[in-house]
Amino acid sequence: MVVELLCELFCIPVRYSEVYNMDADDFPTPDVEVETIEPEALKGRIDAGEDLTLLDTRMGSDYEEWRIDGENVTSINVPYYEFLDDEIDEDVLDRIPEDREVTVLCAKGGASEYVAGELAERGYDVNHLEDGMNGWAGIYETVEVTGYDGAGTLLQYQRPSSGCLGYLLYDDGEAAVIDPLRAFTDRYLDDADDLGVELRYAFDTHVHADHISGVRDLDEAGVEGVIPAAAVDRGVTYADELTQAEDGDTFAVGDAVIETVATPGHTTGMTSYLVDESLLATGDGLFIESVARPDLEEGDDGAPDAARTLYESLQERVLPLPDDTLIGGAHFSDAAVPADDGTYTAPIGDLVEEMDALTMEEDAFVELILSDMPPRPANYEDIIATNLGQKAVDDDEAFTLELGPNNCAASQESLADD
């Protein structure tokens, strides 16, 4: 049958690396014209509270691991191969509402355009997401941290597809970026140009396990790359090319000062940066809804000791800061509630009141965060090797490696104060 033949050509195993290497041009061109919606426009409609229905045509395992969600989003998963036969099963069509607009999406945009065309021919009100989940992963927004009261202006970068966060501080003609992503190297340089400032520093908080760092590429573009000295022992091959930040080191950005604060636990080299005594960029050490997972560097056997180190870092280096010091992590999850300014930041005092894990005794803390950790980030071993400089990947492969959820935090539900 047609379905079986096409499945041999198009159906693929459930691994991310194979799913996202499909060529969108391999899918047949629809016989009818199909409207597209750009990822930014879809994000805007979700943020505006519109009720949306999404038909996700990726494989079920990919859908379960990573998808577009929201309180006002109805998401349906029907793999694209269900639509490849001339006679689509009625049970499949019955799953798709006929009384509303449906946005079809896939990995790269090819399958969704084809499926949307098949549905349009049958009278459905459909469009499809331009470039699919790859396009969704290309969204990168900036929001000003209005609660920041240090010198200059502080922006938070937000990547909704993976929950990655970064920070751009600028003052008096100079700027610094914290936890930049390689995929957006040009974006940081362009943003600095648009603001009329020189991007002077690019800081990494640690060796990331969920995305490819942009520090090295920015350094090659003339920005001073800064990595934690404590992270070099993990095998960073290019450490001599960059500035190594020791605990207590300071860096001037205009009249603002960024101070290095060692906060090991998530990794041995985990480092936070105190931005002009107003916001602590905690990397993956502390988030506004959770704390770090301790197993990505040392594995399951080393996780208990790493959890104890994390406890000490939080209790001795982070929580003693003034209650009004903002916390800004390197990630946010679906459980995170943004501040009034739209940023994923919160005062330390609020987090202590809301998160049981921050007021527990050490043994209870360790037991809690080890009890319910999510799956490890997709491709995390390859990502770590790339960030260490031990593996070279081109831009397309780097982008593909980091698709999916970050999963760098311990379970949010178990850590929240009920």
Protein backbone atom coordinates (compact mmCIF):
# COMPACT_ATOMS: atom_id res chain seq x y z
CA MET A 1 0.00 0.00 0.00
CA VAL A 2 1.00 3.65 -0.39
CA VAL A 3 1.32 4.14 3.36
CA GLU A 4 3.72 1.25 3.84
CA LEU A 5 5.87 2.37 0.90
CA LEU A 6 6.06 5.97 2.06
CA CYS A 7 6.76 4.92 5.64
CA GLU A 8 9.80 3.04 4.40
CA LEU A 9 10.95 6.32 2.85
CA PHE A 10 9.90 8.80 5.54
CA CYS A 11 9.14 7.11 8.87
CA ILE A 12 12.09 7.28 11.21
CA PRO A 13 13.22 6.03 14.63
CA VAL A 14 12.40 8.17 17.62
CA ARG A 15 15.90 9.52 18.31
CA TYR A 16 16.09 13.32 18.11
CA SER A 17 19.22 13.25 15.97
CA GLU A 18 17.41 11.29 13.25
CA VAL A 19 14.05 13.06 13.54
CA TYR A 20 15.57 16.47 12.96
CA ASN A 21 17.85 15.39 10.13
CA MET A 22 14.85 14.78 7.85
CA ASP A 23 14.72 17.03 4.81
CA ALA A 24 11.49 19.03 4.83
CA ASP A 25 11.60 19.07 1.01
CA ASP A 26 11.14 15.28 0.95
CA PHE A 27 7.41 15.62 1.59
CA PRO A 28 4.99 15.94 -1.35
CA THR A 29 3.81 19.45 -2.16
CA PRO A 30 0.13 19.92 -1.23
CA ASP A 31 -2.35 20.29 -4.07
CA VAL A 32 -3.88 23.32 -2.35
CA GLU A 33 -2.24 26.47 -1.04
CA VAL A 34 -1.70 26.33 2.72
CA GLU A 35 -1.36 29.39 4.92
CA THR A 36 1.65 29.56 7.21
CA ILE A 37 2.08 31.17 10.60
CA GLU A 38 5.48 32.36 11.76
CA PRO A 39 6.75 31.06 15.12
CA GLU A 40 6.86 34.56 16.63
CA ALA A 41 3.25 35.17 15.60
CA LEU A 42 2.15 31.90 17.18
CA LYS A 43 4.02 32.78 20.37
CA GLY A 44 2.33 36.18 20.40
CA ARG A 45 -1.11 34.61 20.13
CA ILE A 46 -0.34 32.20 22.95
CA ASP A 47 0.94 35.03 25.15
CA ALA A 48 -2.20 37.05 24.35
CA GLY A 49 -4.34 34.26 25.79
CA GLU A 50 -5.99 33.14 22.55
CA ASP A 51 -7.44 29.63 22.60
CA LEU A 52 -5.39 27.68 20.07
CA THR A 53 -5.50 24.12 18.77
CA LEU A 54 -2.24 22.57 17.62
CA LEU A 55 -1.92 19.36 15.62
CA ASP A 56 1.59 18.03 16.25
CA THR A 57 2.54 15.50 13.57
CA ARG A 58 5.87 14.36 15.00
CA MET A 59 6.48 10.87 16.38
CA GLY A 60 4.80 10.20 19.70
CA SER A 61 8.01 9.89 21.71
CA ASP A 62 9.22 13.29 20.51
CA TYR A 63 5.85 14.83 21.27
CA GLU A 64 5.87 13.44 24.81
CA GLU A 65 9.36 14.76 25.47
CA TRP A 66 8.99 18.24 24.00
CA ARG A 67 6.03 20.19 22.65
CA ILE A 68 4.34 23.58 22.62
CA ASP A 69 2.07 23.89 25.63
CA GLY A 70 0.09 26.51 27.48
CA GLU A 71 -3.06 26.95 29.54
CA ASN A 72 -4.89 28.15 26.43
CA VAL A 73 -3.35 25.56 24.07
CA THR A 74 -5.08 22.32 23.05
CA SER A 75 -2.43 20.00 21.67
CA ILE A 76 -3.18 16.88 19.63
CA ASN A 77 -0.57 14.38 18.47
CA VAL A 78 -1.18 12.41 15.27
CA PRO A 79 2.05 11.34 13.48
CA TYR A 80 2.29 12.55 9.90
CA TYR A 81 2.41 9.05 8.40
CA GLU A 82 -1.25 8.64 9.36
CA PHE A 83 -2.02 11.13 6.56
CA LEU A 84 0.08 9.62 3.79
CA ASP A 85 -2.52 7.24 2.36
CA ASP A 86 -5.10 8.47 -0.12
CA GLU A 87 -7.83 7.25 2.20
CA ILE A 88 -7.10 8.70 5.63
CA ASP A 89 -8.63 6.63 8.40
CA GLU A 90 -11.84 8.17 9.72
CA ASP A 91 -10.62 7.56 13.28
CA VAL A 92 -7.71 9.90 12.53
CA LEU A 93 -9.92 12.62 11.09
CA ASP A 94 -12.33 12.32 14.01
CA ARG A 95 -9.53 13.43 16.35
CA ILE A 96 -9.18 16.77 14.57
CA PRO A 97 -11.81 19.42 15.39
CA GLU A 98 -13.75 20.88 12.46
CA ASP A 99 -15.24 23.82 14.37
CA ARG A 100 -12.07 25.86 14.86
CA GLU A 101 -8.76 26.80 13.30
CA VAL A 102 -6.03 24.19 13.65
CA THR A 103 -2.31 24.91 13.39
CA VAL A 104 -0.35 21.92 12.11
CA LEU A 105 3.30 21.54 13.07
CA CYS A 106 6.14 19.07 12.70
CA ALA A 107 9.93 19.09 13.06
CA LYS A 108 10.93 21.31 10.12
CA GLY A 109 7.75 22.36 8.33
CA GLY A 110 7.62 19.89 5.46
CA ALA A 111 5.35 17.28 6.98
CA SER A 112 3.04 19.87 8.51
CA GLU A 113 2.55 21.66 5.19
CA TYR A 114 1.64 18.35 3.56
CA VAL A 115 -0.75 17.33 6.36
CA ALA A 116 -2.35 20.79 6.43
CA GLY A 117 -2.92 20.49 2.68
CA GLU A 118 -4.62 17.12 3.09
CA LEU A 119 -6.87 18.57 5.78
CA ALA A 120 -7.62 21.73 3.80
CA GLU A 121 -8.81 19.60 0.89
CA ARG A 122 -11.28 18.00 3.29
CA GLY A 123 -12.67 21.32 4.46
CA TYR A 124 -10.69 21.89 7.66
CA ASP A 125 -9.65 25.41 8.71
CA VAL A 126 -5.90 24.94 8.95
CA ASN A 127 -2.52 26.63 8.70
CA HIS A 128 0.93 25.29 9.47
CA LEU A 129 3.85 26.48 11.56
CA GLU A 130 6.68 27.84 9.44
CA ASP A 131 9.88 25.77 9.92
CA GLY A 132 8.13 23.63 12.55
CA MET A 133 9.76 23.07 15.91
CA ASN A 134 13.06 24.22 14.45
CA GLY A 135 11.42 27.59 13.88
CA TRP A 136 9.98 27.53 17.41
CA ALA A 137 13.49 26.90 18.72
CA GLY A 138 14.67 30.01 16.88
CA ILE A 139 12.54 32.36 19.01
CA TYR A 140 14.73 34.43 21.32
CA GLU A 141 13.15 37.33 23.17
CA THR A 142 14.52 40.12 25.35
CA VAL A 143 12.74 41.55 28.37
CA GLU A 144 14.08 44.31 30.62
CA VAL A 145 14.56 43.37 34.28
CA THR A 146 12.82 46.38 35.80
CA GLY A 147 13.49 45.17 39.35
CA TYR A 148 17.23 45.52 38.76
CA ASP A 149 18.49 48.64 40.55
CA GLY A 150 22.22 48.53 39.82
CA ALA A 151 24.07 50.74 37.37
CA GLY A 152 23.02 50.50 33.75
CA THR A 153 20.26 48.40 32.23
CA LEU A 154 19.79 44.63 32.51
CA LEU A 155 17.95 42.58 29.89
CA GLN A 156 16.94 38.94 30.16
CA TYR A 157 17.10 36.76 27.05
CA GLN A 158 14.38 34.09 26.94
CA ARG A 159 14.25 31.05 24.65
CA PRO A 160 10.76 29.58 25.18
CA SER A 161 11.44 26.34 23.30
CA SER A 162 13.98 25.14 25.87
CA GLY A 163 13.56 27.57 28.75
CA CYS A 164 17.11 28.90 28.36
CA LEU A 165 17.80 32.31 29.90
CA GLY A 166 20.68 34.73 29.44
CA TYR A 167 21.45 38.30 30.48
CA LEU A 168 22.75 41.43 28.80
CA LEU A 169 24.06 44.23 31.03
CA TYR A 170 24.96 47.54 29.44
CA ASP A 171 26.10 50.87 30.83
CA ASP A 172 28.14 53.86 29.64
CA GLY A 173 29.03 52.41 26.25
CA GLU A 174 29.94 48.90 27.44
CA ALA A 175 28.06 45.61 27.71
CA ALA A 176 28.42 42.05 28.95
CA VAL A 177 26.40 38.92 28.22
CA ILE A 178 25.98 36.04 30.66
CA ASP A 179 25.31 32.48 29.46
CA PRO A 180 25.12 33.22 25.72
CA LEU A 181 23.98 30.53 23.28
CA ARG A 182 26.07 29.71 20.22
CA ALA A 183 22.96 29.71 18.01
CA PHE A 184 22.46 33.42 18.75
CA THR A 185 26.05 34.68 18.57
CA ASP A 186 25.18 37.23 15.88
CA ARG A 187 22.14 38.35 17.87
CA TYR A 188 24.25 39.52 20.82
CA LEU A 189 26.59 41.44 18.55
CA ASP A 190 23.68 43.00 16.68
CA ASP A 191 21.90 43.93 19.91
CA ALA A 192 25.03 45.65 21.20
CA ASP A 193 25.35 47.57 17.92
CA ASP A 194 21.70 48.60 18.09
CA LEU A 195 22.21 49.87 21.64
CA GLY A 196 25.34 51.75 20.64
CA VAL A 197 27.57 49.85 23.08
CA GLU A 198 30.64 47.64 22.86
CA LEU A 199 30.08 44.04 23.89
CA ARG A 200 33.09 43.68 26.14
CA TYR A 201 32.57 40.40 28.03
CA ALA A 202 30.85 37.05 27.49
CA PHE A 203 30.52 34.97 30.67
CA ASP A 204 29.70 31.30 31.16
CA THR A 205 28.43 30.17 34.54
CA HIS A 206 29.54 26.55 34.00
CA VAL A 207 30.00 23.80 31.42
CA HIS A 208 26.44 23.53 30.15
CA ALA A 209 24.76 20.19 29.50
CA ASP A 210 21.67 21.34 27.59
CA HIS A 211 22.90 23.83 24.99
CA ILE A 212 26.04 24.82 23.13
CA SER A 213 27.75 27.83 24.71
CA GLY A 214 28.36 30.95 22.67
CA VAL A 215 31.30 32.20 24.73
CA ARG A 216 33.98 30.74 22.49
CA ASP A 217 32.41 32.06 19.27
CA LEU A 218 31.96 35.51 20.80
CA ASP A 219 35.60 35.48 21.93
CA GLU A 220 36.64 34.71 18.37
CA ALA A 221 34.53 37.70 17.30
CA GLY A 222 36.55 40.02 19.56
CA VAL A 223 34.58 39.80 22.82
CA GLU A 224 36.52 38.79 25.92
CA GLY A 225 35.30 35.31 26.81
CA VAL A 226 35.20 34.45 30.53
CA ILE A 227 34.83 30.96 31.98
CA PRO A 228 35.01 29.84 35.63
CA ALA A 229 38.52 28.78 36.58
CA ALA A 230 36.94 26.03 38.67
CA ALA A 231 35.46 24.48 35.52
CA VAL A 232 38.76 24.11 33.67
CA ASP A 233 39.69 20.87 35.43
CA ARG A 234 36.80 19.12 33.69
CA GLY A 235 38.95 19.13 30.56
CA VAL A 236 38.28 22.44 28.81
CA THR A 237 40.63 22.27 25.84
CA TYR A 238 40.60 25.99 25.03
CA ALA A 239 40.99 27.41 28.56
CA ASP A 240 44.19 29.27 27.73
CA GLU A 241 42.35 31.23 25.02
CA LEU A 242 39.88 32.75 27.48
CA THR A 243 39.90 34.67 30.75
CA GLN A 244 39.45 32.44 33.79
CA ALA A 245 37.33 33.89 36.58
CA GLU A 246 38.32 33.02 40.14
CA ASP A 247 35.96 33.36 43.08
CA GLY A 248 35.80 37.03 44.07
CA ASP A 249 37.08 38.43 40.77
CA THR A 250 35.31 41.54 39.53
CA PHE A 251 34.68 42.91 36.04
CA ALA A 252 33.66 46.49 35.28
CA VAL A 253 30.96 47.18 32.70
CA GLY A 254 30.64 50.94 32.58
CA ASP A 255 29.90 51.91 36.17
CA ALA A 256 28.46 48.48 36.97
CA VAL A 257 30.50 45.70 38.56
CA ILE A 258 30.06 41.96 38.00
CA GLU A 259 31.47 39.82 40.81
CA THR A 260 32.33 36.13 40.54
CA VAL A 261 30.69 33.95 43.21
CA ALA A 262 31.65 30.27 43.35
CA THR A 263 28.52 28.14 43.85
CA PRO A 264 29.48 24.51 43.09
CA GLY A 265 26.93 21.71 43.31
CA HIS A 266 25.19 21.38 39.97
CA THR A 267 28.75 21.01 38.65
CA THR A 268 32.10 21.32 40.40
CA GLY A 269 32.77 24.55 38.51
CA MET A 270 29.31 26.08 38.85
CA THR A 271 29.74 29.84 39.24
CA SER A 272 27.26 32.66 39.79
CA TYR A 273 27.77 36.30 38.85
CA LEU A 274 26.54 39.09 41.13
CA VAL A 275 25.52 41.94 38.84
CA ASP A 276 26.16 45.24 40.63
CA GLU A 277 24.89 43.80 43.93
CA SER A 278 21.35 43.69 42.54
CA LEU A 279 20.90 40.40 40.66
CA LEU A 280 22.67 37.09 41.12
CA ALA A 281 22.89 35.23 37.81
CA THR A 282 22.93 31.72 39.26
CA GLY A 283 23.32 29.64 36.11
CA ASP A 284 21.91 26.23 36.99
CA GLY A 285 22.45 26.50 40.74
CA LEU A 286 19.13 28.03 41.75
CA PHE A 287 16.04 28.78 39.69
CA ILE A 288 12.94 30.70 40.68
CA GLU A 289 10.97 27.44 40.88
CA SER A 290 13.58 24.85 41.79
CA VAL A 291 17.21 24.04 42.55
CA ALA A 292 19.83 22.30 40.43
CA ARG A 293 20.03 18.60 39.79
CA PRO A 294 23.39 17.24 41.02
CA ASP A 295 24.01 14.24 38.73
CA LEU A 296 25.02 15.54 35.30
CA GLU A 297 28.75 15.72 36.00
CA GLU A 298 29.34 13.03 38.61
CA GLY A 299 26.55 10.59 37.64
CA ASP A 300 24.29 8.75 40.04
CA ASP A 301 27.17 7.60 42.28
CA GLY A 302 28.50 11.11 42.79
CA ALA A 303 25.12 12.82 43.03
CA PRO A 304 24.75 12.61 46.85
CA ASP A 305 28.09 14.37 47.47
CA ALA A 306 27.28 16.94 44.78
CA ALA A 307 23.91 17.56 46.44
CA ARG A 308 25.65 18.26 49.74
CA THR A 309 27.99 20.69 47.99
CA LEU A 310 24.98 22.39 46.43
CA TYR A 311 23.36 22.71 49.86
CA GLU A 312 26.48 24.39 51.23
CA SER A 313 26.65 26.77 48.27
CA LEU A 314 23.05 27.82 48.70
CA GLN A 315 23.27 28.22 52.45
CA GLU A 316 26.69 29.89 52.59
CA ARG A 317 27.00 31.83 49.32
CA VAL A 318 23.50 32.61 48.04
CA LEU A 319 20.96 32.86 50.85
CA PRO A 320 23.06 35.22 53.02
CA LEU A 321 22.67 37.91 50.34
CA PRO A 322 20.09 40.63 51.09
CA ASP A 323 16.49 39.43 50.72
CA ASP A 324 15.80 41.88 47.91
CA THR A 325 18.65 40.53 45.75
CA LEU A 326 17.11 39.16 42.59
CA ILE A 327 17.78 35.60 41.51
CA GLY A 328 18.02 34.99 37.79
CA GLY A 329 18.80 31.45 36.69
CA ALA A 330 19.88 30.12 33.31
CA HIS A 331 16.59 28.30 32.78
CA PHE A 332 12.90 28.36 33.49
CA SER A 333 10.33 25.57 33.32
CA ASP A 334 6.58 25.38 32.83
CA ALA A 335 6.28 25.58 36.63
CA ALA A 336 7.96 29.00 36.74
CA VAL A 337 5.75 32.06 37.19
CA PRO A 338 7.27 35.21 35.68
CA ALA A 339 7.55 38.44 37.63
CA ASP A 340 5.34 41.42 36.85
CA ASP A 341 7.91 42.66 34.35
CA GLY A 342 7.75 39.38 32.41
CA THR A 343 11.19 38.17 33.49
CA TYR A 344 11.94 34.93 35.27
CA THR A 345 13.48 36.60 38.30
CA ALA A 346 12.50 36.75 41.97
CA PRO A 347 13.93 38.18 45.20
CA ILE A 348 15.81 35.75 47.41
CA GLY A 349 13.46 36.49 50.30
CA ASP A 350 10.45 35.39 48.25
CA LEU A 351 12.13 32.16 47.19
CA VAL A 352 12.95 31.28 50.80
CA GLU A 353 9.28 31.71 51.70
CA GLU A 354 8.02 29.70 48.73
CA MET A 355 10.53 26.86 48.34
CA ASP A 356 10.78 24.25 51.10
CA ALA A 357 14.15 23.07 49.82
CA LEU A 358 15.80 26.32 50.88
CA THR A 359 14.86 25.95 54.56
CA MET A 360 15.51 22.22 55.06
CA GLU A 361 18.30 20.59 57.00
CA GLU A 362 21.06 19.16 54.85
CA ASP A 363 20.07 15.47 55.01
CA ALA A 364 16.47 16.23 54.14
CA PHE A 365 17.56 18.48 51.26
CA VAL A 366 19.78 15.77 49.78
CA GLU A 367 17.10 13.14 50.11
CA LEU A 368 14.51 15.36 48.48
CA ILE A 369 16.40 16.43 45.39
CA LEU A 370 17.69 12.91 44.73
CA SER A 371 14.22 11.40 45.04
CA ASP A 372 12.56 12.73 41.91
CA MET A 373 14.88 13.91 39.17
CA PRO A 374 13.60 14.19 35.58
CA PRO A 375 15.27 12.47 32.61
CA ARG A 376 18.66 13.86 31.71
CA PRO A 377 18.78 16.43 28.91
CA ALA A 378 18.74 15.04 25.38
CA ASN A 379 22.24 14.53 23.95
CA TYR A 380 23.79 15.93 27.14
CA GLU A 381 27.01 13.93 26.83
CA ASP A 382 27.67 15.25 23.30
CA ILE A 383 26.75 18.77 24.38
CA ILE A 384 29.15 18.65 27.34
CA ALA A 385 31.93 17.31 25.11
CA THR A 386 31.28 20.12 22.62
CA ASN A 387 31.33 22.77 25.34
CA LEU A 388 34.60 21.36 26.67
CA GLY A 389 36.10 21.64 23.19
CA GLN A 390 36.60 17.89 22.98
CA LYS A 391 34.14 17.51 20.11
CA ALA A 392 33.70 19.79 17.10
CA VAL A 393 30.27 20.27 15.52
CA ASP A 394 29.07 22.65 12.85
CA ASP A 395 26.30 25.17 13.46
CA ASP A 396 23.52 22.93 12.14
CA GLU A 397 24.56 19.99 14.30
CA ALA A 398 24.97 22.25 17.31
CA PHE A 399 21.43 23.56 16.82
CA THR A 400 20.09 20.02 16.47
CA LEU A 401 21.88 18.72 19.57
CA GLU A 402 20.18 21.20 21.88
CA LEU A 403 16.61 20.77 20.64
CA GLY A 404 14.24 19.59 23.34
CA PRO A 405 13.75 20.31 27.06
CA ASN A 406 16.70 21.34 29.22
CA ASN A 407 15.90 19.22 32.34
CA CYS A 408 18.75 20.78 34.33
CA ALA A 409 16.65 21.26 37.48
CA ALA A 410 15.44 18.85 40.10
CA SER A 411 11.71 18.16 40.05
CA GLN A 412 9.86 21.45 40.52
CA GLU A 413 6.77 19.85 42.04
CA SER A 414 8.64 18.13 44.86
CA LEU A 415 10.56 21.27 45.82
CA ALA A 416 7.71 23.74 45.94
CA ASP A 417 6.10 24.77 49.20
CA ASP A 418 2.59 23.32 49.33
